[in-house]
Amino acid sequence: HARFCALSRTYIYRLLLGCAHHSQIPVFERDLCWAPAGGPLDIPA
């Protein structure tokens, strides 16, 4: 059974940084990533 025999699932969340407005998201990336407002992220944190 595809659902009950699955051993794991992988989820990918993509953030697009540096867009001041959603209209700046590249057309082929719309609905495929999240573009939060604000500056750079603290990756180590």
ModelCIF file with pLDDT and N, C-alpha, C, O atoms, coordinates in Angstrom:
data_MODEL
#
_entry.id   MODEL 
#
_entity.id                         1 
_entity.type                       polymer 
_entity.pdbx_number_of_molecules   1 
#
_entity_poly.entity_id                      1 
_entity_poly.type                           'polypeptide(L)' 
_entity_poly.nstd_linkage                   no 
_entity_poly.nstd_monomer                   no 
_entity_poly.pdbx_seq_one_letter_code       HARFCALSRTYIYRLLLGCAHHSQIPVFERDLCWAPAGGPLDIPA 
_entity_poly.pdbx_seq_one_letter_code_can   HARFCALSRTYIYRLLLGCAHHSQIPVFERDLCWAPAGGPLDIPA 
_entity_poly.pdbx_strand_id                 A 
#
loop_
_entity_poly_seq.entity_id 
_entity_poly_seq.num 
_entity_poly_seq.mon_id 
_entity_poly_seq.hetero 
1 1  HIS n 
1 2  ALA n 
1 3  ARG n 
1 4  PHE n 
1 5  CYS n 
1 6  ALA n 
1 7  LEU n 
1 8  SER n 
1 9  ARG n 
1 10 THR n 
1 11 TYR n 
1 12 ILE n 
1 13 TYR n 
1 14 ARG n 
1 15 LEU n 
1 16 LEU n 
1 17 LEU n 
1 18 GLY n 
1 19 CYS n 
1 20 ALA n 
1 21 HIS n 
1 22 HIS n 
1 23 SER n 
1 24 GLN n 
1 25 ILE n 
1 26 PRO n 
1 27 VAL n 
1 28 PHE n 
1 29 GLU n 
1 30 ARG n 
1 31 ASP n 
1 32 LEU n 
1 33 CYS n 
1 34 TRP n 
1 35 ALA n 
1 36 PRO n 
1 37 ALA n 
1 38 GLY n 
1 39 GLY n 
1 40 PRO n 
1 41 LEU n 
1 42 ASP n 
1 43 ILE n 
1 44 PRO n 
1 45 ALA n 
#
_struct_asym.id          A 
_struct_asym.entity_id   1 
#
loop_
_ma_qa_metric.id 
_ma_qa_metric.mode 
_ma_qa_metric.name 
_ma_qa_metric.software_group_id 
_ma_qa_metric.type 
1 global pLDDT . pLDDT 
2 local  pLDDT . pLDDT 
#
_ma_qa_metric_global.metric_id      1 
_ma_qa_metric_global.metric_value   81.91 
_ma_qa_metric_global.model_id       1 
_ma_qa_metric_global.ordinal_id     1 
#
loop_
_ma_qa_metric_local.label_asym_id 
_ma_qa_metric_local.label_comp_id 
_ma_qa_metric_local.label_seq_id 
_ma_qa_metric_local.metric_id 
_ma_qa_metric_local.metric_value 
_ma_qa_metric_local.model_id 
_ma_qa_metric_local.ordinal_id 
A HIS 1  2 88.00 1 1  
A ALA 2  2 86.00 1 2  
A ARG 3  2 84.00 1 3  
A PHE 4  2 85.00 1 4  
A CYS 5  2 86.00 1 5  
A ALA 6  2 82.00 1 6  
A LEU 7  2 82.00 1 7  
A SER 8  2 80.00 1 8  
A ARG 9  2 79.00 1 9  
A THR 10 2 80.00 1 10 
A TYR 11 2 78.00 1 11 
A ILE 12 2 80.00 1 12 
A TYR 13 2 80.00 1 13 
A ARG 14 2 81.00 1 14 
A LEU 15 2 83.00 1 15 
A LEU 16 2 82.00 1 16 
A LEU 17 2 81.00 1 17 
A GLY 18 2 78.00 1 18 
A CYS 19 2 80.00 1 19 
A ALA 20 2 78.00 1 20 
A HIS 21 2 80.00 1 21 
A HIS 22 2 80.00 1 22 
A SER 23 2 83.00 1 23 
A GLN 24 2 82.00 1 24 
A ILE 25 2 81.00 1 25 
A PRO 26 2 81.00 1 26 
A VAL 27 2 82.00 1 27 
A PHE 28 2 78.00 1 28 
A GLU 29 2 79.00 1 29 
A ARG 30 2 78.00 1 30 
A ASP 31 2 77.00 1 31 
A LEU 32 2 78.00 1 32 
A CYS 33 2 82.00 1 33 
A TRP 34 2 81.00 1 34 
A ALA 35 2 83.00 1 35 
A PRO 36 2 83.00 1 36 
A ALA 37 2 80.00 1 37 
A GLY 38 2 77.00 1 38 
A GLY 39 2 76.00 1 39 
A PRO 40 2 81.00 1 40 
A LEU 41 2 85.00 1 41 
A ASP 42 2 89.00 1 42 
A ILE 43 2 89.00 1 43 
A PRO 44 2 93.00 1 44 
A ALA 45 2 95.00 1 45 
#
loop_
_atom_site.group_PDB 
_atom_site.id 
_atom_site.type_symbol 
_atom_site.label_atom_id 
_atom_site.label_alt_id 
_atom_site.label_comp_id 
_atom_site.label_asym_id 
_atom_site.label_entity_id 
_atom_site.label_seq_id 
_atom_site.pdbx_PDB_ins_code 
_atom_site.Cartn_x 
_atom_site.Cartn_y 
_atom_site.Cartn_z 
_atom_site.occupancy 
_atom_site.B_iso_or_equiv 
_atom_site.pdbx_formal_charge 
_atom_site.auth_seq_id 
_atom_site.auth_comp_id 
_atom_site.auth_asym_id 
_atom_site.auth_atom_id 
_atom_site.pdbx_PDB_model_num 
ATOM 1   N N  . HIS A 1 1  ? 0.869  -1.173 0.000   1.00 88.00 ? 1  HIS A N  1 
ATOM 2   C CA . HIS A 1 1  ? 0.000  0.000  0.000   1.00 88.00 ? 1  HIS A CA 1 
ATOM 3   C C  . HIS A 1 1  ? 0.907  1.225  0.000   1.00 88.00 ? 1  HIS A C  1 
ATOM 4   O O  . HIS A 1 1  ? 1.736  1.381  0.897   1.00 88.00 ? 1  HIS A O  1 
ATOM 5   N N  . ALA A 1 2  ? 0.758  2.094  -0.998  1.00 86.00 ? 2  ALA A N  1 
ATOM 6   C CA . ALA A 1 2  ? 1.663  3.240  -1.162  1.00 86.00 ? 2  ALA A CA 1 
ATOM 7   C C  . ALA A 1 2  ? 1.736  4.113  0.079   1.00 86.00 ? 2  ALA A C  1 
ATOM 8   O O  . ALA A 1 2  ? 2.812  4.603  0.423   1.00 86.00 ? 2  ALA A O  1 
ATOM 9   N N  . ARG A 1 3  ? 0.627  4.314  0.750   1.00 84.00 ? 3  ARG A N  1 
ATOM 10  C CA . ARG A 1 3  ? 0.630  5.193  1.922   1.00 84.00 ? 3  ARG A CA 1 
ATOM 11  C C  . ARG A 1 3  ? 1.176  4.497  3.159   1.00 84.00 ? 3  ARG A C  1 
ATOM 12  O O  . ARG A 1 3  ? 2.034  5.042  3.854   1.00 84.00 ? 3  ARG A O  1 
ATOM 13  N N  . PHE A 1 4  ? 0.682  3.298  3.435   1.00 85.00 ? 4  PHE A N  1 
ATOM 14  C CA . PHE A 1 4  ? 1.032  2.639  4.685   1.00 85.00 ? 4  PHE A CA 1 
ATOM 15  C C  . PHE A 1 4  ? 2.385  1.921  4.643   1.00 85.00 ? 4  PHE A C  1 
ATOM 16  O O  . PHE A 1 4  ? 2.941  1.597  5.693   1.00 85.00 ? 4  PHE A O  1 
ATOM 17  N N  . CYS A 1 5  ? 2.912  1.672  3.456   1.00 86.00 ? 5  CYS A N  1 
ATOM 18  C CA . CYS A 1 5  ? 4.227  1.027  3.342   1.00 86.00 ? 5  CYS A CA 1 
ATOM 19  C C  . CYS A 1 5  ? 5.354  2.033  3.139   1.00 86.00 ? 5  CYS A C  1 
ATOM 20  O O  . CYS A 1 5  ? 6.518  1.643  3.057   1.00 86.00 ? 5  CYS A O  1 
ATOM 21  N N  . ALA A 1 6  ? 5.030  3.316  3.057   1.00 82.00 ? 6  ALA A N  1 
ATOM 22  C CA . ALA A 1 6  ? 6.065  4.344  2.879   1.00 82.00 ? 6  ALA A CA 1 
ATOM 23  C C  . ALA A 1 6  ? 6.974  4.357  4.104   1.00 82.00 ? 6  ALA A C  1 
ATOM 24  O O  . ALA A 1 6  ? 6.492  4.361  5.236   1.00 82.00 ? 6  ALA A O  1 
ATOM 25  N N  . LEU A 1 7  ? 8.270  4.362  3.884   1.00 82.00 ? 7  LEU A N  1 
ATOM 26  C CA . LEU A 1 7  ? 9.233  4.367  4.982   1.00 82.00 ? 7  LEU A CA 1 
ATOM 27  C C  . LEU A 1 7  ? 9.546  5.781  5.458   1.00 82.00 ? 7  LEU A C  1 
ATOM 28  O O  . LEU A 1 7  ? 9.834  5.989  6.637   1.00 82.00 ? 7  LEU A O  1 
ATOM 29  N N  . SER A 1 8  ? 9.493  6.742  4.561   1.00 80.00 ? 8  SER A N  1 
ATOM 30  C CA . SER A 1 8  ? 9.735  8.130  4.943   1.00 80.00 ? 8  SER A CA 1 
ATOM 31  C C  . SER A 1 8  ? 9.188  9.045  3.854   1.00 80.00 ? 8  SER A C  1 
ATOM 32  O O  . SER A 1 8  ? 8.844  8.604  2.758   1.00 80.00 ? 8  SER A O  1 
ATOM 33  N N  . ARG A 1 9  ? 9.119  10.309 4.183   1.00 79.00 ? 9  ARG A N  1 
ATOM 34  C CA . ARG A 1 9  ? 8.721  11.331 3.237   1.00 79.00 ? 9  ARG A CA 1 
ATOM 35  C C  . ARG A 1 9  ? 9.693  12.497 3.392   1.00 79.00 ? 9  ARG A C  1 
ATOM 36  O O  . ARG A 1 9  ? 10.145 12.791 4.499   1.00 79.00 ? 9  ARG A O  1 
ATOM 37  N N  . THR A 1 10 ? 10.004 13.145 2.308   1.00 80.00 ? 10 THR A N  1 
ATOM 38  C CA . THR A 1 10 ? 10.898 14.302 2.335   1.00 80.00 ? 10 THR A CA 1 
ATOM 39  C C  . THR A 1 10 ? 10.105 15.530 1.916   1.00 80.00 ? 10 THR A C  1 
ATOM 40  O O  . THR A 1 10 ? 9.397  15.511 0.910   1.00 80.00 ? 10 THR A O  1 
ATOM 41  N N  . TYR A 1 11 ? 10.227 16.583 2.687   1.00 78.00 ? 11 TYR A N  1 
ATOM 42  C CA . TYR A 1 11 ? 9.549  17.845 2.392   1.00 78.00 ? 11 TYR A CA 1 
ATOM 43  C C  . TYR A 1 11 ? 10.611 18.899 2.125   1.00 78.00 ? 11 TYR A C  1 
ATOM 44  O O  . TYR A 1 11 ? 11.605 18.982 2.846   1.00 78.00 ? 11 TYR A O  1 
ATOM 45  N N  . ILE A 1 12 ? 10.404 19.691 1.106   1.00 80.00 ? 12 ILE A N  1 
ATOM 46  C CA . ILE A 1 12 ? 11.323 20.773 0.770   1.00 80.00 ? 12 ILE A CA 1 
ATOM 47  C C  . ILE A 1 12 ? 10.550 22.078 0.835   1.00 80.00 ? 12 ILE A C  1 
ATOM 48  O O  . ILE A 1 12 ? 9.507  22.227 0.199   1.00 80.00 ? 12 ILE A O  1 
ATOM 49  N N  . TYR A 1 13 ? 11.068 23.018 1.604   1.00 80.00 ? 13 TYR A N  1 
ATOM 50  C CA . TYR A 1 13 ? 10.480 24.344 1.718   1.00 80.00 ? 13 TYR A CA 1 
ATOM 51  C C  . TYR A 1 13 ? 11.482 25.327 1.139   1.00 80.00 ? 13 TYR A C  1 
ATOM 52  O O  . TYR A 1 13 ? 12.629 25.372 1.584   1.00 80.00 ? 13 TYR A O  1 
ATOM 53  N N  . ARG A 1 14 ? 11.075 26.107 0.167   1.00 81.00 ? 14 ARG A N  1 
ATOM 54  C CA . ARG A 1 14 ? 11.980 27.031 -0.497  1.00 81.00 ? 14 ARG A CA 1 
ATOM 55  C C  . ARG A 1 14 ? 11.574 28.459 -0.183  1.00 81.00 ? 14 ARG A C  1 
ATOM 56  O O  . ARG A 1 14 ? 10.416 28.846 -0.341  1.00 81.00 ? 14 ARG A O  1 
ATOM 57  N N  . LEU A 1 15 ? 12.559 29.234 0.267   1.00 83.00 ? 15 LEU A N  1 
ATOM 58  C CA . LEU A 1 15 ? 12.343 30.647 0.566   1.00 83.00 ? 15 LEU A CA 1 
ATOM 59  C C  . LEU A 1 15 ? 13.116 31.478 -0.455  1.00 83.00 ? 15 LEU A C  1 
ATOM 60  O O  . LEU A 1 15 ? 14.293 31.218 -0.708  1.00 83.00 ? 15 LEU A O  1 
ATOM 61  N N  . LEU A 1 16 ? 12.467 32.458 -1.029  1.00 82.00 ? 16 LEU A N  1 
ATOM 62  C CA . LEU A 1 16 ? 13.117 33.382 -1.940  1.00 82.00 ? 16 LEU A CA 1 
ATOM 63  C C  . LEU A 1 16 ? 13.310 34.687 -1.194  1.00 82.00 ? 16 LEU A C  1 
ATOM 64  O O  . LEU A 1 16 ? 12.342 35.318 -0.772  1.00 82.00 ? 16 LEU A O  1 
ATOM 65  N N  . LEU A 1 17 ? 14.555 35.089 -1.032  1.00 81.00 ? 17 LEU A N  1 
ATOM 66  C CA . LEU A 1 17 ? 14.867 36.280 -0.251  1.00 81.00 ? 17 LEU A CA 1 
ATOM 67  C C  . LEU A 1 17 ? 15.125 37.472 -1.165  1.00 81.00 ? 17 LEU A C  1 
ATOM 68  O O  . LEU A 1 17 ? 15.545 37.319 -2.312  1.00 81.00 ? 17 LEU A O  1 
ATOM 69  N N  . GLY A 1 18 ? 14.868 38.649 -0.638  1.00 78.00 ? 18 GLY A N  1 
ATOM 70  C CA . GLY A 1 18 ? 15.203 39.868 -1.361  1.00 78.00 ? 18 GLY A CA 1 
ATOM 71  C C  . GLY A 1 18 ? 14.097 40.412 -2.243  1.00 78.00 ? 18 GLY A C  1 
ATOM 72  O O  . GLY A 1 18 ? 14.347 41.329 -3.025  1.00 78.00 ? 18 GLY A O  1 
ATOM 73  N N  . CYS A 1 19 ? 12.884 39.886 -2.151  1.00 80.00 ? 19 CYS A N  1 
ATOM 74  C CA . CYS A 1 19 ? 11.760 40.418 -2.934  1.00 80.00 ? 19 CYS A CA 1 
ATOM 75  C C  . CYS A 1 19 ? 10.972 41.382 -2.051  1.00 80.00 ? 19 CYS A C  1 
ATOM 76  O O  . CYS A 1 19 ? 10.427 40.990 -1.018  1.00 80.00 ? 19 CYS A O  1 
ATOM 77  N N  . ALA A 1 20 ? 10.920 42.619 -2.459  1.00 78.00 ? 20 ALA A N  1 
ATOM 78  C CA . ALA A 1 20 ? 10.175 43.617 -1.687  1.00 78.00 ? 20 ALA A CA 1 
ATOM 79  C C  . ALA A 1 20 ? 8.672  43.463 -1.902  1.00 78.00 ? 20 ALA A C  1 
ATOM 80  O O  . ALA A 1 20 ? 7.877  43.886 -1.062  1.00 78.00 ? 20 ALA A O  1 
ATOM 81  N N  . HIS A 1 21 ? 8.277  42.854 -3.033  1.00 80.00 ? 21 HIS A N  1 
ATOM 82  C CA . HIS A 1 21 ? 6.865  42.697 -3.362  1.00 80.00 ? 21 HIS A CA 1 
ATOM 83  C C  . HIS A 1 21 ? 6.688  41.371 -4.106  1.00 80.00 ? 21 HIS A C  1 
ATOM 84  O O  . HIS A 1 21 ? 7.586  40.939 -4.829  1.00 80.00 ? 21 HIS A O  1 
ATOM 85  N N  . HIS A 1 22 ? 5.531  40.727 -3.928  1.00 80.00 ? 22 HIS A N  1 
ATOM 86  C CA . HIS A 1 22 ? 5.325  39.414 -4.552  1.00 80.00 ? 22 HIS A CA 1 
ATOM 87  C C  . HIS A 1 22 ? 5.423  39.465 -6.076  1.00 80.00 ? 22 HIS A C  1 
ATOM 88  O O  . HIS A 1 22 ? 5.672  38.439 -6.709  1.00 80.00 ? 22 HIS A O  1 
ATOM 89  N N  . SER A 1 23 ? 5.235  40.630 -6.667  1.00 83.00 ? 23 SER A N  1 
ATOM 90  C CA . SER A 1 23 ? 5.341  40.754 -8.129  1.00 83.00 ? 23 SER A CA 1 
ATOM 91  C C  . SER A 1 23 ? 6.779  40.545 -8.610  1.00 83.00 ? 23 SER A C  1 
ATOM 92  O O  . SER A 1 23 ? 7.009  40.348 -9.803  1.00 83.00 ? 23 SER A O  1 
ATOM 93  N N  . GLN A 1 24 ? 7.752  40.586 -7.688  1.00 82.00 ? 24 GLN A N  1 
ATOM 94  C CA . GLN A 1 24 ? 9.157  40.384 -8.060  1.00 82.00 ? 24 GLN A CA 1 
ATOM 95  C C  . GLN A 1 24 ? 9.544  38.908 -8.102  1.00 82.00 ? 24 GLN A C  1 
ATOM 96  O O  . GLN A 1 24 ? 10.652 38.575 -8.522  1.00 82.00 ? 24 GLN A O  1 
ATOM 97  N N  . ILE A 1 25 ? 8.654  38.028 -7.675  1.00 81.00 ? 25 ILE A N  1 
ATOM 98  C CA . ILE A 1 25 ? 8.952  36.590 -7.721  1.00 81.00 ? 25 ILE A CA 1 
ATOM 99  C C  . ILE A 1 25 ? 8.989  36.173 -9.188  1.00 81.00 ? 25 ILE A C  1 
ATOM 100 O O  . ILE A 1 25 ? 8.052  36.475 -9.927  1.00 81.00 ? 25 ILE A O  1 
ATOM 101 N N  . PRO A 1 26 ? 10.039 35.491 -9.630  1.00 81.00 ? 26 PRO A N  1 
ATOM 102 C CA . PRO A 1 26 ? 10.096 35.041 -11.029 1.00 81.00 ? 26 PRO A CA 1 
ATOM 103 C C  . PRO A 1 26 ? 8.846  34.231 -11.382 1.00 81.00 ? 26 PRO A C  1 
ATOM 104 O O  . PRO A 1 26 ? 8.359  33.443 -10.571 1.00 81.00 ? 26 PRO A O  1 
ATOM 105 N N  . VAL A 1 27 ? 8.340  34.431 -12.584 1.00 82.00 ? 27 VAL A N  1 
ATOM 106 C CA . VAL A 1 27 ? 7.074  33.826 -12.990 1.00 82.00 ? 27 VAL A CA 1 
ATOM 107 C C  . VAL A 1 27 ? 7.070  32.302 -12.822 1.00 82.00 ? 27 VAL A C  1 
ATOM 108 O O  . VAL A 1 27 ? 6.036  31.740 -12.461 1.00 82.00 ? 27 VAL A O  1 
ATOM 109 N N  . PHE A 1 28 ? 8.181  31.624 -13.071 1.00 78.00 ? 28 PHE A N  1 
ATOM 110 C CA . PHE A 1 28 ? 8.219  30.173 -12.972 1.00 78.00 ? 28 PHE A CA 1 
ATOM 111 C C  . PHE A 1 28 ? 8.382  29.681 -11.533 1.00 78.00 ? 28 PHE A C  1 
ATOM 112 O O  . PHE A 1 28 ? 8.350  28.476 -11.284 1.00 78.00 ? 28 PHE A O  1 
ATOM 113 N N  . GLU A 1 29 ? 8.552  30.596 -10.597 1.00 79.00 ? 29 GLU A N  1 
ATOM 114 C CA . GLU A 1 29 ? 8.680  30.237 -9.191  1.00 79.00 ? 29 GLU A CA 1 
ATOM 115 C C  . GLU A 1 29 ? 7.418  30.560 -8.387  1.00 79.00 ? 29 GLU A C  1 
ATOM 116 O O  . GLU A 1 29 ? 7.308  30.169 -7.226  1.00 79.00 ? 29 GLU A O  1 
ATOM 117 N N  . ARG A 1 30 ? 6.470  31.268 -8.996  1.00 78.00 ? 30 ARG A N  1 
ATOM 118 C CA . ARG A 1 30 ? 5.243  31.620 -8.275  1.00 78.00 ? 30 ARG A CA 1 
ATOM 119 C C  . ARG A 1 30 ? 4.532  30.352 -7.845  1.00 78.00 ? 30 ARG A C  1 
ATOM 120 O O  . ARG A 1 30 ? 4.442  29.395 -8.615  1.00 78.00 ? 30 ARG A O  1 
ATOM 121 N N  . ASP A 1 31 ? 4.039  30.338 -6.647  1.00 77.00 ? 31 ASP A N  1 
ATOM 122 C CA . ASP A 1 31 ? 3.348  29.196 -6.039  1.00 77.00 ? 31 ASP A CA 1 
ATOM 123 C C  . ASP A 1 31 ? 4.288  28.023 -5.745  1.00 77.00 ? 31 ASP A C  1 
ATOM 124 O O  . ASP A 1 31 ? 3.828  26.957 -5.335  1.00 77.00 ? 31 ASP A O  1 
ATOM 125 N N  . LEU A 1 32 ? 5.597  28.204 -5.949  1.00 78.00 ? 32 LEU A N  1 
ATOM 126 C CA . LEU A 1 32 ? 6.559  27.140 -5.660  1.00 78.00 ? 32 LEU A CA 1 
ATOM 127 C C  . LEU A 1 32 ? 7.523  27.509 -4.536  1.00 78.00 ? 32 LEU A C  1 
ATOM 128 O O  . LEU A 1 32 ? 8.344  26.687 -4.129  1.00 78.00 ? 32 LEU A O  1 
ATOM 129 N N  . CYS A 1 33 ? 7.430  28.729 -4.036  1.00 82.00 ? 33 CYS A N  1 
ATOM 130 C CA . CYS A 1 33 ? 8.310  29.150 -2.960  1.00 82.00 ? 33 CYS A CA 1 
ATOM 131 C C  . CYS A 1 33 ? 7.596  30.212 -2.128  1.00 82.00 ? 33 CYS A C  1 
ATOM 132 O O  . CYS A 1 33 ? 6.533  30.707 -2.503  1.00 82.00 ? 33 CYS A O  1 
ATOM 133 N N  . TRP A 1 34 ? 8.187  30.541 -1.022  1.00 81.00 ? 34 TRP A N  1 
ATOM 134 C CA . TRP A 1 34 ? 7.663  31.587 -0.153  1.00 81.00 ? 34 TRP A CA 1 
ATOM 135 C C  . TRP A 1 34 ? 8.667  32.726 -0.176  1.00 81.00 ? 34 TRP A C  1 
ATOM 136 O O  . TRP A 1 34 ? 9.868  32.489 -0.046  1.00 81.00 ? 34 TRP A O  1 
ATOM 137 N N  . ALA A 1 35 ? 8.206  33.943 -0.337  1.00 83.00 ? 35 ALA A N  1 
ATOM 138 C CA . ALA A 1 35 ? 9.082  35.110 -0.391  1.00 83.00 ? 35 ALA A CA 1 
ATOM 139 C C  . ALA A 1 35 ? 8.769  36.021 0.789   1.00 83.00 ? 35 ALA A C  1 
ATOM 140 O O  . ALA A 1 35 ? 8.013  36.982 0.649   1.00 83.00 ? 35 ALA A O  1 
ATOM 141 N N  . PRO A 1 36 ? 9.348  35.723 1.958   1.00 83.00 ? 36 PRO A N  1 
ATOM 142 C CA . PRO A 1 36 ? 9.075  36.569 3.123   1.00 83.00 ? 36 PRO A CA 1 
ATOM 143 C C  . PRO A 1 36 ? 9.767  37.926 2.969   1.00 83.00 ? 36 PRO A C  1 
ATOM 144 O O  . PRO A 1 36 ? 10.871 38.030 2.435   1.00 83.00 ? 36 PRO A O  1 
ATOM 145 N N  . ALA A 1 37 ? 9.078  38.957 3.456   1.00 80.00 ? 37 ALA A N  1 
ATOM 146 C CA . ALA A 1 37 ? 9.679  40.291 3.418   1.00 80.00 ? 37 ALA A CA 1 
ATOM 147 C C  . ALA A 1 37 ? 10.781 40.369 4.466   1.00 80.00 ? 37 ALA A C  1 
ATOM 148 O O  . ALA A 1 37 ? 10.783 39.603 5.430   1.00 80.00 ? 37 ALA A O  1 
ATOM 149 N N  . GLY A 1 38 ? 11.683 41.261 4.283   1.00 77.00 ? 38 GLY A N  1 
ATOM 150 C CA . GLY A 1 38 ? 12.740 41.450 5.268   1.00 77.00 ? 38 GLY A CA 1 
ATOM 151 C C  . GLY A 1 38 ? 14.107 41.200 4.670   1.00 77.00 ? 38 GLY A C  1 
ATOM 152 O O  . GLY A 1 38 ? 14.257 40.900 3.485   1.00 77.00 ? 38 GLY A O  1 
ATOM 153 N N  . GLY A 1 39 ? 15.076 41.331 5.516   1.00 76.00 ? 39 GLY A N  1 
ATOM 154 C CA . GLY A 1 39 ? 16.465 41.208 5.082   1.00 76.00 ? 39 GLY A CA 1 
ATOM 155 C C  . GLY A 1 39 ? 16.981 39.791 5.164   1.00 76.00 ? 39 GLY A C  1 
ATOM 156 O O  . GLY A 1 39 ? 16.205 38.836 5.149   1.00 76.00 ? 39 GLY A O  1 
ATOM 157 N N  . PRO A 1 40 ? 18.289 39.656 5.251   1.00 81.00 ? 40 PRO A N  1 
ATOM 158 C CA . PRO A 1 40 ? 18.918 38.338 5.273   1.00 81.00 ? 40 PRO A CA 1 
ATOM 159 C C  . PRO A 1 40 ? 18.526 37.545 6.530   1.00 81.00 ? 40 PRO A C  1 
ATOM 160 O O  . PRO A 1 40 ? 18.173 38.114 7.563   1.00 81.00 ? 40 PRO A O  1 
ATOM 161 N N  . LEU A 1 41 ? 18.601 36.243 6.406   1.00 85.00 ? 41 LEU A N  1 
ATOM 162 C CA . LEU A 1 41 ? 18.282 35.356 7.523   1.00 85.00 ? 41 LEU A CA 1 
ATOM 163 C C  . LEU A 1 41 ? 19.560 34.962 8.253   1.00 85.00 ? 41 LEU A C  1 
ATOM 164 O O  . LEU A 1 41 ? 20.634 34.918 7.653   1.00 85.00 ? 41 LEU A O  1 
ATOM 165 N N  . ASP A 1 42 ? 19.447 34.679 9.533   1.00 89.00 ? 42 ASP A N  1 
ATOM 166 C CA . ASP A 1 42 ? 20.578 34.233 10.343  1.00 89.00 ? 42 ASP A CA 1 
ATOM 167 C C  . ASP A 1 42 ? 20.649 32.711 10.239  1.00 89.00 ? 42 ASP A C  1 
ATOM 168 O O  . ASP A 1 42 ? 20.057 31.995 11.047  1.00 89.00 ? 42 ASP A O  1 
ATOM 169 N N  . ILE A 1 43 ? 21.381 32.228 9.233   1.00 89.00 ? 43 ILE A N  1 
ATOM 170 C CA . ILE A 1 43 ? 21.439 30.793 8.946   1.00 89.00 ? 43 ILE A CA 1 
ATOM 171 C C  . ILE A 1 43 ? 21.998 30.004 10.135  1.00 89.00 ? 43 ILE A C  1 
ATOM 172 O O  . ILE A 1 43 ? 21.408 28.982 10.487  1.00 89.00 ? 43 ILE A O  1 
ATOM 173 N N  . PRO A 1 44 ? 23.105 30.418 10.776  1.00 93.00 ? 44 PRO A N  1 
ATOM 174 C CA . PRO A 1 44 ? 23.597 29.657 11.933  1.00 93.00 ? 44 PRO A CA 1 
ATOM 175 C C  . PRO A 1 44 ? 22.547 29.553 13.046  1.00 93.00 ? 44 PRO A C  1 
ATOM 176 O O  . PRO A 1 44 ? 22.411 28.496 13.661  1.00 93.00 ? 44 PRO A O  1 
ATOM 177 N N  . ALA A 1 45 ? 21.814 30.619 13.310  1.00 95.00 ? 45 ALA A N  1 
ATOM 178 C CA . ALA A 1 45 ? 20.769 30.567 14.348  1.00 95.00 ? 45 ALA A CA 1 
ATOM 179 C C  . ALA A 1 45 ? 19.643 29.634 13.932  1.00 95.00 ? 45 ALA A C  1 
ATOM 180 O O  . ALA A 1 45 ? 18.677 29.462 14.676  1.00 95.00 ? 45 ALA A O  1 
#
